[in-house]
PDB file of N, CA and C in Angstrom:
ATOM      1  N   UNK A   1      18.498  -1.487  10.764  1.00  0.00           N
ATOM      2  CA  UNK A   1      17.681  -0.286  10.701  1.00  0.00           C
ATOM      3  C   UNK A   1      16.332  -0.641  10.076  1.00  0.00           C
ATOM      4  N   UNK A   2      15.245  -0.186  10.676  1.00  0.00           N
ATOM      5  CA  UNK A   2      13.907  -0.457  10.172  1.00  0.00           C
ATOM      6  C   UNK A   2      13.761   0.071   8.751  1.00  0.00           C
ATOM      7  N   UNK A   3      12.971  -0.649   7.962  1.00  0.00           N
ATOM      8  CA  UNK A   3      12.751  -0.302   6.564  1.00  0.00           C
ATOM      9  C   UNK A   3      11.250  -0.255   6.315  1.00  0.00           C
ATOM     10  N   UNK A   4      10.818   0.657   5.448  1.00  0.00           N
ATOM     11  CA  UNK A   4       9.393   0.832   5.169  1.00  0.00           C
ATOM     12  C   UNK A   4       9.156   0.842   3.667  1.00  0.00           C
ATOM     13  N   UNK A   5       8.168   0.075   3.225  1.00  0.00           N
ATOM     14  CA  UNK A   5       7.646   0.195   1.868  1.00  0.00           C
ATOM     15  C   UNK A   5       6.411   1.070   1.964  1.00  0.00           C
ATOM     16  N   UNK A   6       6.352   2.141   1.170  1.00  0.00           N
ATOM     17  CA  UNK A   6       5.219   3.053   1.200  1.00  0.00           C
ATOM     18  C   UNK A   6       4.449   3.028  -0.109  1.00  0.00           C
ATOM     19  N   UNK A   7       3.140   3.228  -0.018  1.00  0.00           N
ATOM     20  CA  UNK A   7       2.256   3.176  -1.182  1.00  0.00           C
ATOM     21  C   UNK A   7       1.242   4.317  -1.102  1.00  0.00           C
ATOM     22  N   UNK A   8       0.956   4.912  -2.233  1.00  0.00           N
ATOM     23  CA  UNK A   8      -0.056   5.958  -2.337  1.00  0.00           C
ATOM     24  C   UNK A   8      -0.896   5.634  -3.563  1.00  0.00           C
ATOM     25  N   UNK A   9      -2.230   5.555  -3.385  1.00  0.00           N
ATOM     26  CA  UNK A   9      -3.091   5.184  -4.496  1.00  0.00           C
ATOM     27  C   UNK A   9      -4.476   5.772  -4.325  1.00  0.00           C
ATOM     28  N   UNK A  10      -5.254   5.702  -5.388  1.00  0.00           N
ATOM     29  CA  UNK A  10      -6.639   6.175  -5.367  1.00  0.00           C
ATOM     30  C   UNK A  10      -7.561   4.971  -5.529  1.00  0.00           C
ATOM     31  N   UNK A  11      -8.590   4.910  -4.675  1.00  0.00           N
ATOM     32  CA  UNK A  11      -9.533   3.796  -4.695  1.00  0.00           C
ATOM     33  C   UNK A  11     -10.944   4.370  -4.777  1.00  0.00           C
ATOM     34  N   UNK A  12     -11.788   3.856  -5.682  1.00  0.00           N
ATOM     35  CA  UNK A  12     -13.171   4.321  -5.721  1.00  0.00           C
ATOM     36  C   UNK A  12     -13.832   4.158  -4.346  1.00  0.00           C
ATOM     37  N   UNK A  13     -14.523   5.200  -3.903  1.00  0.00           N
ATOM     38  CA  UNK A  13     -15.130   5.158  -2.569  1.00  0.00           C
ATOM     39  C   UNK A  13     -16.128   4.009  -2.438  1.00  0.00           C
ATOM     40  N   UNK A  14     -16.792   3.655  -3.521  1.00  0.00           N
ATOM     41  CA  UNK A  14     -17.760   2.558  -3.480  1.00  0.00           C
ATOM     42  C   UNK A  14     -17.095   1.203  -3.251  1.00  0.00           C
ATOM     43  N   UNK A  15     -15.780   1.144  -3.461  1.00  0.00           N
ATOM     44  CA  UNK A  15     -15.045  -0.116  -3.337  1.00  0.00           C
ATOM     45  C   UNK A  15     -14.232  -0.223  -2.046  1.00  0.00           C
ATOM     46  N   UNK A  16     -14.550   0.610  -1.062  1.00  0.00           N
ATOM     47  CA  UNK A  16     -13.775   0.599   0.184  1.00  0.00           C
ATOM     48  C   UNK A  16     -13.777  -0.780   0.843  1.00  0.00           C
ATOM     49  N   UNK A  17     -14.932  -1.420   0.939  1.00  0.00           N
ATOM     50  CA  UNK A  17     -15.006  -2.734   1.584  1.00  0.00           C
ATOM     51  C   UNK A  17     -14.212  -3.782   0.805  1.00  0.00           C
ATOM     52  N   UNK A  18     -14.299  -3.739  -0.528  1.00  0.00           N
ATOM     53  CA  UNK A  18     -13.525  -4.672  -1.354  1.00  0.00           C
ATOM     54  C   UNK A  18     -12.031  -4.433  -1.182  1.00  0.00           C
ATOM     55  N   UNK A  19     -11.644  -3.160  -1.103  1.00  0.00           N
ATOM     56  CA  UNK A  19     -10.231  -2.835  -0.908  1.00  0.00           C
ATOM     57  C   UNK A  19      -9.749  -3.361   0.446  1.00  0.00           C
ATOM     58  N   UNK A  20     -10.544  -3.154   1.472  1.00  0.00           N
ATOM     59  CA  UNK A  20     -10.163  -3.620   2.804  1.00  0.00           C
ATOM     60  C   UNK A  20     -10.061  -5.146   2.853  1.00  0.00           C
ATOM     61  N   UNK A  21     -10.980  -5.831   2.202  1.00  0.00           N
ATOM     62  CA  UNK A  21     -10.942  -7.291   2.152  1.00  0.00           C
ATOM     63  C   UNK A  21      -9.670  -7.777   1.452  1.00  0.00           C
ATOM     64  N   UNK A  22      -9.338  -7.163   0.323  1.00  0.00           N
ATOM     65  CA  UNK A  22      -8.119  -7.506  -0.396  1.00  0.00           C
ATOM     66  C   UNK A  22      -6.894  -7.210   0.467  1.00  0.00           C
ATOM     67  N   UNK A  23      -6.918  -6.075   1.142  1.00  0.00           N
ATOM     68  CA  UNK A  23      -5.784  -5.663   1.975  1.00  0.00           C
ATOM     69  C   UNK A  23      -5.553  -6.618   3.140  1.00  0.00           C
ATOM     70  N   UNK A  24      -6.622  -7.149   3.707  1.00  0.00           N
ATOM     71  CA  UNK A  24      -6.484  -8.143   4.784  1.00  0.00           C
ATOM     72  C   UNK A  24      -5.714  -9.363   4.289  1.00  0.00           C
ATOM     73  N   UNK A  25      -6.043  -9.815   3.090  1.00  0.00           N
ATOM     74  CA  UNK A  25      -5.344 -10.967   2.509  1.00  0.00           C
ATOM     75  C   UNK A  25      -3.875 -10.639   2.254  1.00  0.00           C
ATOM     76  N   UNK A  26      -3.622  -9.459   1.710  1.00  0.00           N
ATOM     77  CA  UNK A  26      -2.249  -9.043   1.420  1.00  0.00           C
ATOM     78  C   UNK A  26      -1.452  -8.901   2.714  1.00  0.00           C
ATOM     79  N   UNK A  27      -2.063  -8.320   3.733  1.00  0.00           N
ATOM     80  CA  UNK A  27      -1.368  -8.151   5.016  1.00  0.00           C
ATOM     81  C   UNK A  27      -0.957  -9.503   5.595  1.00  0.00           C
ATOM     82  N   UNK A  28      -1.822 -10.491   5.473  1.00  0.00           N
ATOM     83  CA  UNK A  28      -1.499 -11.836   5.956  1.00  0.00           C
ATOM     84  C   UNK A  28      -0.264 -12.383   5.246  1.00  0.00           C
ATOM     85  N   UNK A  29      -0.189 -12.159   3.942  1.00  0.00           N
ATOM     86  CA  UNK A  29       0.969 -12.623   3.167  1.00  0.00           C
ATOM     87  C   UNK A  29       2.235 -11.903   3.617  1.00  0.00           C
ATOM     88  N   UNK A  30       2.172 -10.582   3.732  1.00  0.00           N
ATOM     89  CA  UNK A  30       3.347  -9.819   4.177  1.00  0.00           C
ATOM     90  C   UNK A  30       3.822 -10.278   5.558  1.00  0.00           C
ATOM     91  N   UNK A  31       2.893 -10.424   6.488  1.00  0.00           N
ATOM     92  CA  UNK A  31       3.257 -10.820   7.853  1.00  0.00           C
ATOM     93  C   UNK A  31       3.854 -12.234   7.872  1.00  0.00           C
ATOM     94  N   UNK A  32       3.323 -13.104   7.057  1.00  0.00           N
ATOM     95  CA  UNK A  32       3.842 -14.475   6.966  1.00  0.00           C
ATOM     96  C   UNK A  32       5.321 -14.482   6.581  1.00  0.00           C
ATOM     97  N   UNK A  33       5.715 -13.491   5.798  1.00  0.00           N
ATOM     98  CA  UNK A  33       7.084 -13.442   5.286  1.00  0.00           C
ATOM     99  C   UNK A  33       7.961 -12.421   6.013  1.00  0.00           C
ATOM    100  N   UNK A  34       7.562 -12.025   7.227  1.00  0.00           N
ATOM    101  CA  UNK A  34       8.458 -11.261   8.076  1.00  0.00           C
ATOM    102  C   UNK A  34       8.170  -9.789   8.266  1.00  0.00           C
ATOM    103  N   UNK A  35       7.125  -9.252   7.644  1.00  0.00           N
ATOM    104  CA  UNK A  35       6.788  -7.846   7.885  1.00  0.00           C
ATOM    105  C   UNK A  35       6.396  -7.662   9.347  1.00  0.00           C
ATOM    106  N   UNK A  36       6.828  -6.558   9.924  1.00  0.00           N
ATOM    107  CA  UNK A  36       6.486  -6.253  11.316  1.00  0.00           C
ATOM    108  C   UNK A  36       5.063  -5.734  11.439  1.00  0.00           C
ATOM    109  N   UNK A  37       4.643  -4.929  10.457  1.00  0.00           N
ATOM    110  CA  UNK A  37       3.293  -4.363  10.481  1.00  0.00           C
ATOM    111  C   UNK A  37       2.882  -3.959   9.074  1.00  0.00           C
ATOM    112  N   UNK A  38       1.571  -3.897   8.882  1.00  0.00           N
ATOM    113  CA  UNK A  38       0.981  -3.427   7.629  1.00  0.00           C
ATOM    114  C   UNK A  38      -0.104  -2.436   8.015  1.00  0.00           C
ATOM    115  N   UNK A  39      -0.074  -1.253   7.426  1.00  0.00           N
ATOM    116  CA  UNK A  39      -1.053  -0.218   7.757  1.00  0.00           C
ATOM    117  C   UNK A  39      -1.717   0.297   6.485  1.00  0.00           C
ATOM    118  N   UNK A  40      -3.030   0.403   6.506  1.00  0.00           N
ATOM    119  CA  UNK A  40      -3.815   0.967   5.406  1.00  0.00           C
ATOM    120  C   UNK A  40      -4.574   2.168   5.954  1.00  0.00           C
ATOM    121  N   UNK A  41      -4.462   3.305   5.293  1.00  0.00           N
ATOM    122  CA  UNK A  41      -5.115   4.536   5.759  1.00  0.00           C
ATOM    123  C   UNK A  41      -5.994   5.105   4.651  1.00  0.00           C
ATOM    124  N   UNK A  42      -7.236   5.446   5.000  1.00  0.00           N
ATOM    125  CA  UNK A  42      -8.236   5.968   4.055  1.00  0.00           C
ATOM    126  C   UNK A  42      -8.369   7.467   4.285  1.00  0.00           C
ATOM    127  N   UNK A  43      -8.264   8.255   3.247  1.00  0.00           N
ATOM    128  CA  UNK A  43      -8.235   9.718   3.392  1.00  0.00           C
ATOM    129  C   UNK A  43      -9.531  10.281   3.968  1.00  0.00           C
ATOM    130  N   UNK A  44      -9.372  11.320   4.800  1.00  0.00           N
ATOM    131  CA  UNK A  44     -10.524  12.098   5.250  1.00  0.00           C
ATOM    132  C   UNK A  44     -10.173  13.569   5.445  1.00  0.00           C
ATOM    133  N   UNK A  45      -8.899  13.926   5.326  1.00  0.00           N
ATOM    134  CA  UNK A  45      -8.487  15.324   5.471  1.00  0.00           C
ATOM    135  C   UNK A  45      -7.191  15.540   4.683  1.00  0.00           C
ATOM    136  N   UNK A  46      -7.310  15.534   3.359  1.00  0.00           N
ATOM    137  CA  UNK A  46      -6.146  15.673   2.480  1.00  0.00           C
ATOM    138  C   UNK A  46      -6.358  16.917   1.617  1.00  0.00           C
ATOM    139  N   UNK A  47      -5.690  18.016   1.952  1.00  0.00           N
ATOM    140  CA  UNK A  47      -5.904  19.259   1.212  1.00  0.00           C
ATOM    141  C   UNK A  47      -5.317  19.208  -0.200  1.00  0.00           C
ATOM    142  N   UNK A  48      -5.936  19.973  -1.075  1.00  0.00           N
ATOM    143  CA  UNK A  48      -5.394  20.173  -2.425  1.00  0.00           C
ATOM    144  C   UNK A  48      -4.190  21.092  -2.306  1.00  0.00           C
ATOM    145  N   UNK A  49      -3.171  20.847  -3.092  1.00  0.00           N
ATOM    146  CA  UNK A  49      -1.994  21.707  -3.097  1.00  0.00           C
ATOM    147  C   UNK A  49      -2.081  22.752  -4.195  1.00  0.00           C
ATOM    148  N   UNK A  50      -1.197  23.737  -4.148  1.00  0.00           N
ATOM    149  CA  UNK A  50      -1.166  24.754  -5.201  1.00  0.00           C
ATOM    150  C   UNK A  50      -0.419  24.256  -6.431  1.00  0.00           C
ATOM    151  N   UNK A  51       0.704  23.565  -6.220  1.00  0.00           N
ATOM    152  CA  UNK A  51       1.475  23.039  -7.342  1.00  0.00           C
ATOM    153  C   UNK A  51       1.295  21.538  -7.503  1.00  0.00           C
ATOM    154  N   UNK A  52       1.258  20.839  -6.392  1.00  0.00           N
ATOM    155  CA  UNK A  52       1.109  19.393  -6.415  1.00  0.00           C
ATOM    156  C   UNK A  52       0.457  18.964  -5.110  1.00  0.00           C
ATOM    157  N   UNK A  53      -0.063  17.773  -5.085  1.00  0.00           N
ATOM    158  CA  UNK A  53      -0.703  17.246  -3.881  1.00  0.00           C
ATOM    159  C   UNK A  53      -0.849  15.744  -4.035  1.00  0.00           C
ATOM    160  N   UNK A  54      -1.312  15.110  -2.989  1.00  0.00           N
ATOM    161  CA  UNK A  54      -1.591  13.684  -3.095  1.00  0.00           C
ATOM    162  C   UNK A  54      -2.665  13.433  -4.150  1.00  0.00           C
ATOM    163  N   UNK A  55      -3.605  14.360  -4.272  1.00  0.00           N
ATOM    164  CA  UNK A  55      -4.680  14.225  -5.263  1.00  0.00           C
ATOM    165  C   UNK A  55      -4.111  14.148  -6.674  1.00  0.00           C
ATOM    166  N   UNK A  56      -3.230  15.089  -6.998  1.00  0.00           N
ATOM    167  CA  UNK A  56      -2.673  15.112  -8.354  1.00  0.00           C
ATOM    168  C   UNK A  56      -1.651  13.999  -8.552  1.00  0.00           C
ATOM    169  N   UNK A  57      -0.948  13.628  -7.506  1.00  0.00           N
ATOM    170  CA  UNK A  57       0.068  12.579  -7.632  1.00  0.00           C
ATOM    171  C   UNK A  57      -0.540  11.253  -8.088  1.00  0.00           C
ATOM    172  N   UNK A  58      -1.740  10.935  -7.600  1.00  0.00           N
ATOM    173  CA  UNK A  58      -2.395   9.678  -7.982  1.00  0.00           C
ATOM    174  C   UNK A  58      -3.514   9.899  -9.000  1.00  0.00           C
ATOM    175  N   UNK A  59      -3.615  11.119  -9.499  1.00  0.00           N
ATOM    176  CA  UNK A  59      -4.659  11.475 -10.474  1.00  0.00           C
ATOM    177  C   UNK A  59      -6.043  11.062  -9.966  1.00  0.00           C
ATOM    178  N   UNK A  60      -6.328  11.460  -8.721  1.00  0.00           N
ATOM    179  CA  UNK A  60      -7.589  11.097  -8.069  1.00  0.00           C
ATOM    180  C   UNK A  60      -8.781  11.645  -8.836  1.00  0.00           C
ATOM    181  N   UNK A  61      -9.771  10.799  -9.025  1.00  0.00           N
ATOM    182  CA  UNK A  61     -11.031  11.192  -9.651  1.00  0.00           C
ATOM    183  C   UNK A  61     -12.011  11.589  -8.545  1.00  0.00           C
ATOM    184  N   UNK A  62     -13.071  12.336  -8.893  1.00  0.00           N
ATOM    185  CA  UNK A  62     -14.002  12.827  -7.859  1.00  0.00           C
ATOM    186  C   UNK A  62     -14.635  11.732  -6.995  1.00  0.00           C
ATOM    187  N   UNK A  63     -14.793  10.544  -7.538  1.00  0.00           N
ATOM    188  CA  UNK A  63     -15.433   9.461  -6.779  1.00  0.00           C
ATOM    189  C   UNK A  63     -14.426   8.539  -6.093  1.00  0.00           C
ATOM    190  N   UNK A  64     -13.193   9.024  -5.903  1.00  0.00           N
ATOM    191  CA  UNK A  64     -12.147   8.199  -5.308  1.00  0.00           C
ATOM    192  C   UNK A  64     -11.619   8.800  -4.008  1.00  0.00           C
ATOM    193  N   UNK A  65     -11.125   7.929  -3.157  1.00  0.00           N
ATOM    194  CA  UNK A  65     -10.418   8.335  -1.936  1.00  0.00           C
ATOM    195  C   UNK A  65      -8.937   8.046  -2.136  1.00  0.00           C
ATOM    196  N   UNK A  66      -8.110   8.749  -1.390  1.00  0.00           N
ATOM    197  CA  UNK A  66      -6.675   8.490  -1.412  1.00  0.00           C
ATOM    198  C   UNK A  66      -6.362   7.500  -0.300  1.00  0.00           C
ATOM    199  N   UNK A  67      -5.568   6.507  -0.632  1.00  0.00           N
ATOM    200  CA  UNK A  67      -5.134   5.518   0.349  1.00  0.00           C
ATOM    201  C   UNK A  67      -3.624   5.648   0.511  1.00  0.00           C
ATOM    202  N   UNK A  68      -3.191   5.749   1.752  1.00  0.00           N
ATOM    203  CA  UNK A  68      -1.777   5.822   2.102  1.00  0.00           C
ATOM    204  C   UNK A  68      -1.474   4.577   2.924  1.00  0.00           C
ATOM    205  N   UNK A  69      -0.567   3.758   2.430  1.00  0.00           N
ATOM    206  CA  UNK A  69      -0.279   2.473   3.066  1.00  0.00           C
ATOM    207  C   UNK A  69       1.210   2.318   3.281  1.00  0.00           C
ATOM    208  N   UNK A  70       1.557   1.510   4.290  1.00  0.00           N
ATOM    209  CA  UNK A  70       2.965   1.201   4.464  1.00  0.00           C
ATOM    210  C   UNK A  70       3.124  -0.153   5.130  1.00  0.00           C
ATOM    211  N   UNK A  71       4.260  -0.764   4.820  1.00  0.00           N
ATOM    212  CA  UNK A  71       4.649  -2.045   5.402  1.00  0.00           C
ATOM    213  C   UNK A  71       5.983  -1.815   6.094  1.00  0.00           C
ATOM    214  N   UNK A  72       6.077  -2.200   7.361  1.00  0.00           N
ATOM    215  CA  UNK A  72       7.303  -2.019   8.129  1.00  0.00           C
ATOM    216  C   UNK A  72       8.048  -3.352   8.215  1.00  0.00           C
ATOM    217  N   UNK A  73       9.349  -3.263   7.982  1.00  0.00           N
ATOM    218  CA  UNK A  73      10.230  -4.435   7.997  1.00  0.00           C
ATOM    219  C   UNK A  73      11.336  -4.244   9.032  1.00  0.00           C
ATOM    220  N   UNK A  74      11.921  -5.341   9.521  1.00  0.00           N
ATOM    221  CA  UNK A  74      13.051  -5.201  10.445  1.00  0.00           C
ATOM    222  C   UNK A  74      14.224  -4.470   9.791  1.00  0.00           C
ATOM    223  N   UNK A  75      14.424  -4.724   8.484  1.00  0.00           N
ATOM    224  CA  UNK A  75      15.502  -4.091   7.722  1.00  0.00           C
ATOM    225  C   UNK A  75      15.278  -4.371   6.234  1.00  0.00           C
ATOM    226  N   UNK A  76      16.055  -3.733   5.395  1.00  0.00           N
ATOM    227  CA  UNK A  76      15.902  -3.903   3.948  1.00  0.00           C
ATOM    228  C   UNK A  76      16.234  -5.331   3.517  1.00  0.00           C
ATOM    229  N   UNK A  77      17.189  -5.935   4.164  1.00  0.00           N
ATOM    230  CA  UNK A  77      17.572  -7.300   3.814  1.00  0.00           C
ATOM    231  C   UNK A  77      16.400  -8.266   3.994  1.00  0.00           C
ATOM    232  N   UNK A  78      15.662  -8.117   5.089  1.00  0.00           N
ATOM    233  CA  UNK A  78      14.492  -8.973   5.335  1.00  0.00           C
ATOM    234  C   UNK A  78      13.443  -8.747   4.258  1.00  0.00           C
ATOM    235  N   UNK A  79      13.242  -7.502   3.893  1.00  0.00           N
ATOM    236  CA  UNK A  79      12.275  -7.174   2.838  1.00  0.00           C
ATOM    237  C   UNK A  79      12.705  -7.760   1.502  1.00  0.00           C
ATOM    238  N   UNK A  80      13.969  -7.587   1.150  1.00  0.00           N
ATOM    239  CA  UNK A  80      14.459  -8.105  -0.128  1.00  0.00           C
ATOM    240  C   UNK A  80      14.373  -9.630  -0.184  1.00  0.00           C
ATOM    241  N   UNK A  81      14.681 -10.285   0.918  1.00  0.00           N
ATOM    242  CA  UNK A  81      14.617 -11.746   0.983  1.00  0.00           C
ATOM    243  C   UNK A  81      13.181 -12.246   0.799  1.00  0.00           C
ATOM    244  N   UNK A  82      12.215 -11.514   1.318  1.00  0.00           N
ATOM    245  CA  UNK A  82      10.806 -11.918   1.261  1.00  0.00           C
ATOM    246  C   UNK A  82      10.133 -11.573  -0.065  1.00  0.00           C
ATOM    247  N   UNK A  83      10.703 -10.658  -0.808  1.00  0.00           N
ATOM    248  CA  UNK A  83      10.026 -10.089  -1.983  1.00  0.00           C
ATOM    249  C   UNK A  83       9.517 -11.149  -2.968  1.00  0.00           C
ATOM    250  N   UNK A  84      10.359 -12.057  -3.410  1.00  0.00           N
ATOM    251  CA  UNK A  84       9.921 -13.033  -4.415  1.00  0.00           C
ATOM    252  C   UNK A  84       8.877 -13.993  -3.842  1.00  0.00           C
ATOM    253  N   UNK A  85       8.991 -14.331  -2.561  1.00  0.00           N
ATOM    254  CA  UNK A  85       8.006 -15.213  -1.929  1.00  0.00           C
ATOM    255  C   UNK A  85       6.646 -14.521  -1.850  1.00  0.00           C
ATOM    256  N   UNK A  86       6.667 -13.240  -1.517  1.00  0.00           N
ATOM    257  CA  UNK A  86       5.425 -12.467  -1.443  1.00  0.00           C
ATOM    258  C   UNK A  86       4.779 -12.389  -2.817  1.00  0.00           C
ATOM    259  N   UNK A  87       5.579 -12.095  -3.822  1.00  0.00           N
ATOM    260  CA  UNK A  87       5.062 -12.010  -5.191  1.00  0.00           C
ATOM    261  C   UNK A  87       4.433 -13.338  -5.606  1.00  0.00           C
ATOM    262  N   UNK A  88       5.106 -14.440  -5.341  1.00  0.00           N
ATOM    263  CA  UNK A  88       4.563 -15.761  -5.682  1.00  0.00           C
ATOM    264  C   UNK A  88       3.252 -16.023  -4.947  1.00  0.00           C
ATOM    265  N   UNK A  89       3.224 -15.736  -3.642  1.00  0.00           N
ATOM    266  CA  UNK A  89       2.003 -15.964  -2.861  1.00  0.00           C
ATOM    267  C   UNK A  89       0.854 -15.093  -3.347  1.00  0.00           C
ATOM    268  N   UNK A  90       1.142 -13.853  -3.716  1.00  0.00           N
ATOM    269  CA  UNK A  90       0.077 -12.972  -4.205  1.00  0.00           C
ATOM    270  C   UNK A  90      -0.510 -13.512  -5.502  1.00  0.00           C
ATOM    271  N   UNK A  91       0.343 -13.986  -6.404  1.00  0.00           N
ATOM    272  CA  UNK A  91      -0.159 -14.551  -7.662  1.00  0.00           C
ATOM    273  C   UNK A  91      -1.031 -15.772  -7.402  1.00  0.00           C
ATOM    274  N   UNK A  92      -0.629 -16.590  -6.456  1.00  0.00           N
ATOM    275  CA  UNK A  92      -1.371 -17.812  -6.148  1.00  0.00           C
ATOM    276  C   UNK A  92      -2.644 -17.526  -5.354  1.00  0.00           C
ATOM    277  N   UNK A  93      -2.525 -16.767  -4.278  1.00  0.00           N
ATOM    278  CA  UNK A  93      -3.639 -16.592  -3.348  1.00  0.00           C
ATOM    279  C   UNK A  93      -4.616 -15.497  -3.749  1.00  0.00           C
ATOM    280  N   UNK A  94      -4.191 -14.584  -4.597  1.00  0.00           N
ATOM    281  CA  UNK A  94      -5.073 -13.481  -4.997  1.00  0.00           C
ATOM    282  C   UNK A  94      -5.481 -13.576  -6.460  1.00  0.00           C
ATOM    283  N   UNK A  95      -5.259 -14.743  -7.052  1.00  0.00           N
ATOM    284  CA  UNK A  95      -5.527 -14.929  -8.478  1.00  0.00           C
ATOM    285  C   UNK A  95      -6.953 -14.540  -8.861  1.00  0.00           C
ATOM    286  N   UNK A  96      -7.919 -14.877  -8.022  1.00  0.00           N
ATOM    287  CA  UNK A  96      -9.326 -14.605  -8.334  1.00  0.00           C
ATOM    288  C   UNK A  96      -9.901 -13.444  -7.534  1.00  0.00           C
ATOM    289  N   UNK A  97      -9.036 -12.661  -6.909  1.00  0.00           N
ATOM    290  CA  UNK A  97      -9.491 -11.509  -6.127  1.00  0.00           C
ATOM    291  C   UNK A  97      -9.418 -10.271  -7.013  1.00  0.00           C
ATOM    292  N   UNK A  98     -10.561  -9.609  -7.244  1.00  0.00           N
ATOM    293  CA  UNK A  98     -10.513  -8.398  -8.076  1.00  0.00           C
ATOM    294  C   UNK A  98      -9.725  -7.282  -7.389  1.00  0.00           C
ATOM    295  N   UNK A  99      -8.962  -6.553  -8.177  1.00  0.00           N
ATOM    296  CA  UNK A  99      -8.180  -5.424  -7.655  1.00  0.00           C
ATOM    297  C   UNK A  99      -9.043  -4.171  -7.843  1.00  0.00           C
ATOM    298  N   UNK A 100      -9.490  -3.553  -6.751  1.00  0.00           N
ATOM    299  CA  UNK A 100     -10.456  -2.451  -6.852  1.00  0.00           C
ATOM    300  C   UNK A 100      -9.832  -1.069  -7.044  1.00  0.00           C
ATOM    301  N   UNK A 101      -8.713  -0.992  -7.755  1.00  0.00           N
ATOM    302  CA  UNK A 101      -8.096   0.308  -8.029  1.00  0.00           C
ATOM    303  C   UNK A 101      -7.236   0.187  -9.275  1.00  0.00           C
ATOM    304  N   UNK A 102      -6.850   1.319  -9.820  1.00  0.00           N
ATOM    305  CA  UNK A 102      -6.001   1.364 -11.009  1.00  0.00           C
ATOM    306  C   UNK A 102      -4.542   1.348 -10.570  1.00  0.00           C
ATOM    307  N   UNK A 103      -3.907   0.199 -10.688  1.00  0.00           N
ATOM    308  CA  UNK A 103      -2.531   0.042 -10.247  1.00  0.00           C
ATOM    309  C   UNK A 103      -1.540   0.913 -10.999  1.00  0.00           C
ATOM    310  N   UNK A 104      -1.899   1.346 -12.203  1.00  0.00           N
ATOM    311  CA  UNK A 104      -0.996   2.207 -12.982  1.00  0.00           C
ATOM    312  C   UNK A 104      -0.817   3.571 -12.322  1.00  0.00           C
ATOM    313  N   UNK A 105      -1.766   3.951 -11.452  1.00  0.00           N
ATOM    314  CA  UNK A 105      -1.667   5.252 -10.778  1.00  0.00           C
ATOM    315  C   UNK A 105      -1.117   5.140  -9.359  1.00  0.00           C
ATOM    316  N   UNK A 106      -0.730   3.946  -8.966  1.00  0.00           N
ATOM    317  CA  UNK A 106      -0.157   3.746  -7.634  1.00  0.00           C
ATOM    318  C   UNK A 106       1.293   4.216  -7.628  1.00  0.00           C
ATOM    319  N   UNK A 107       1.671   4.879  -6.545  1.00  0.00           N
ATOM    320  CA  UNK A 107       3.047   5.322  -6.337  1.00  0.00           C
ATOM    321  C   UNK A 107       3.590   4.506  -5.169  1.00  0.00           C
ATOM    322  N   UNK A 108       4.807   4.025  -5.293  1.00  0.00           N
ATOM    323  CA  UNK A 108       5.370   3.222  -4.203  1.00  0.00           C
ATOM    324  C   UNK A 108       6.882   3.357  -4.174  1.00  0.00           C
ATOM    325  N   UNK A 109       7.446   3.018  -3.040  1.00  0.00           N
ATOM    326  CA  UNK A 109       8.896   3.051  -2.905  1.00  0.00           C
ATOM    327  C   UNK A 109       9.318   2.530  -1.549  1.00  0.00           C
ATOM    328  N   UNK A 110      10.617   2.263  -1.432  1.00  0.00           N
ATOM    329  CA  UNK A 110      11.193   1.778  -0.188  1.00  0.00           C
ATOM    330  C   UNK A 110      12.001   2.865   0.493  1.00  0.00           C
ATOM    331  N   UNK A 111      11.945   2.876   1.831  1.00  0.00           N
ATOM    332  CA  UNK A 111      12.548   3.964   2.604  1.00  0.00           C
ATOM    333  C   UNK A 111      13.292   3.436   3.826  1.00  0.00           C
ATOM    334  N   UNK A 112      14.492   3.959   4.055  1.00  0.00           N
ATOM    335  CA  UNK A 112      15.192   3.737   5.312  1.00  0.00           C
ATOM    336  C   UNK A 112      14.572   4.663   6.353  1.00  0.00           C
ATOM    337  N   UNK A 113      14.216   4.126   7.501  1.00  0.00           N
ATOM    338  CA  UNK A 113      13.682   4.953   8.577  1.00  0.00           C
ATOM    339  C   UNK A 113      14.847   5.723   9.197  1.00  0.00           C
ATOM    340  N   UNK A 114      14.715   7.050   9.241  1.00  0.00           N
ATOM    341  CA  UNK A 114      15.778   7.873   9.824  1.00  0.00           C
ATOM    342  C   UNK A 114      15.384   8.464  11.176  1.00  0.00           C
ATOM    343  N   UNK A 115      14.088   8.404  11.514  1.00  0.00           N
ATOM    344  CA  UNK A 115      13.632   8.832  12.838  1.00  0.00           C
ATOM    345  C   UNK A 115      12.365   8.065  13.167  1.00  0.00           C
ATOM    346  N   UNK A 116      12.332   7.480  14.340  1.00  0.00           N
ATOM    347  CA  UNK A 116      11.145   6.780  14.828  1.00  0.00           C
ATOM    348  C   UNK A 116      11.130   6.931  16.336  1.00  0.00           C
ATOM    349  N   UNK A 117      10.059   7.467  16.883  1.00  0.00           N
ATOM    350  CA  UNK A 117       9.957   7.681  18.330  1.00  0.00           C
ATOM    351  C   UNK A 117       8.738   6.999  18.877  1.00  0.00           C
TER     352      UNK A 117
END
């Protein structure tokens, strides 16, 4: 069964190009270790909620955009097997790459796909 890692974060709008450059490097690492696809999405139509929203979930500041990202895997086993290799490669290959967002406000998790058409 397909498996997805999902991420939600806030990135300063001025750092969009830096974020995309970093994401290209990360996507290469994920794909090298078996990810089927990597998708990065930049907000342009995300409404504020009455009780909660993507804005409040990531504590978005006025000068930030919301980024919704996901990595698709053949299954959870493939993802789990690749995890430590990906972590090692990121430490090695991204050591001098600035991270253009506050990782403490990133939300992430793994999901079993229950419908895909």
